[in-house]
Protein backbone atom coordinates (compact mmCIF):
# COMPACT_ATOMS: atom_id res chain seq x y z
CA MET A 1 84.48 116.13 101.56
CA THR A 2 86.84 114.48 99.34
CA VAL A 3 86.09 111.21 98.06
CA ALA A 4 88.73 109.05 96.15
CA LEU A 5 87.46 106.37 93.76
CA MET A 6 89.90 103.63 92.80
CA TRP A 7 89.61 101.34 89.76
CA GLU A 8 91.98 98.64 89.08
CA ALA A 9 92.14 96.16 86.26
CA ARG A 10 94.68 93.38 85.25
CA ALA A 11 95.06 92.93 81.48
CA LEU A 12 95.63 89.70 79.76
CA ASP A 13 99.18 88.35 79.84
CA GLY A 14 101.16 90.81 77.50
CA HIS A 15 98.28 93.33 76.87
CA GLY A 16 99.10 95.92 79.62
CA ALA A 17 99.85 98.60 76.91
CA GLU A 18 96.51 98.04 75.24
CA LEU A 19 94.67 98.34 78.55
CA LEU A 20 96.57 101.47 79.53
CA ALA A 21 95.78 102.82 75.98
CA TRP A 22 91.91 101.80 76.64
CA VAL A 23 91.97 103.62 80.02
CA ASN A 24 93.46 106.81 78.64
CA SER A 25 90.79 107.07 75.99
CA GLN A 26 88.02 106.79 78.44
CA HIS A 27 86.22 110.10 79.47
CA LEU A 28 84.22 110.61 82.60
CA GLU A 29 81.20 112.75 82.79
CA GLY A 30 81.99 115.68 85.17
CA SER A 31 85.45 116.87 86.27
CA PRO A 32 87.28 115.22 89.06
CA GLN A 33 89.49 117.32 91.15
CA ARG A 34 92.44 115.00 89.99
CA ARG A 35 92.82 111.89 88.06
CA GLU A 36 95.81 109.73 88.31
CA ILE A 37 96.74 106.72 86.16
CA LEU A 38 99.51 104.16 87.42
CA THR A 39 100.86 100.93 86.21
CA ALA A 40 102.45 97.85 87.97
CA PRO A 41 103.89 94.59 87.32
CA GLY A 42 101.67 91.98 86.10
CA ASP A 43 99.91 93.99 83.36
CA ARG A 44 97.84 95.95 85.94
CA VAL A 45 96.46 99.59 85.67
CA LEU A 46 95.10 101.65 88.48
CA VAL A 47 92.97 104.84 88.10
CA ILE A 48 92.44 107.13 91.20
CA THR A 49 89.95 109.77 90.90
CA TRP A 50 89.32 112.47 93.56
CA TRP A 51 86.01 114.28 93.99
CA ASP A 52 84.65 117.15 96.03
CA ALA A 53 81.28 115.35 97.06
CA PRO A 54 79.67 113.40 99.84
CA TYR A 55 80.78 109.91 100.42
CA ASP A 56 77.70 108.17 98.99
CA ALA A 57 77.28 110.75 96.10
CA PRO A 58 76.58 108.95 92.60
CA LEU A 59 79.93 109.66 90.99
CA PRO A 60 81.00 108.55 87.36
CA GLU A 61 83.31 105.65 87.16
CA LEU A 62 85.32 103.89 84.24
CA PRO A 63 83.42 101.08 82.67
CA GLU A 64 84.48 97.41 82.65
CA PRO A 65 86.74 96.85 79.77
CA GLY A 66 85.88 94.01 77.31
CA PRO A 67 86.84 90.39 78.03
CA ASP A 68 89.42 90.71 75.20
CA LEU A 69 91.49 92.96 77.49
CA ILE A 70 91.02 91.94 81.08
CA SER A 71 91.98 88.68 82.86
CA ARG A 72 89.38 89.12 85.77
CA PRO A 73 86.66 91.66 86.85
CA VAL A 74 87.65 95.28 87.66
CA HIS A 75 88.23 95.91 91.36
CA ARG A 76 86.59 98.97 92.48
CA TRP A 77 86.97 101.08 95.93
CA ARG A 78 85.57 104.21 97.32
CA PHE A 79 87.47 106.11 100.26
CA ALA A 80 86.91 109.43 102.05
CA SER A 81 89.90 111.63 102.51
CA HIS A 82 90.94 112.62 106.10
CA GLY A 83 93.65 114.97 105.07
CA VAL A 84 96.82 115.59 102.92
CA THR A 85 100.37 115.64 104.31
CA THR A 86 103.06 117.34 102.49
CA PRO A 87 106.58 116.35 103.46
CA GLY A 88 108.37 119.37 105.20
CA GLU A 89 104.97 121.25 106.28
């Protein structure tokens, strides 16, 4: 089974680049199949990691950044993959 962990944080106003740098400096124990880092307006950073593991397996997650970087607690979600579709296939 493939499990996707999503981690989303909102930086303090004007500190999106600092939050992104902080995320890029974080290392996870273990090796996900894939790790993708995305940004959005409002100084938001989203990290998605994909793991070959049971849904309820203990998996490494990014920690909570310090209050000097974020404007609210981090949001976290866990999803089970039910397939991948590639356009044209």
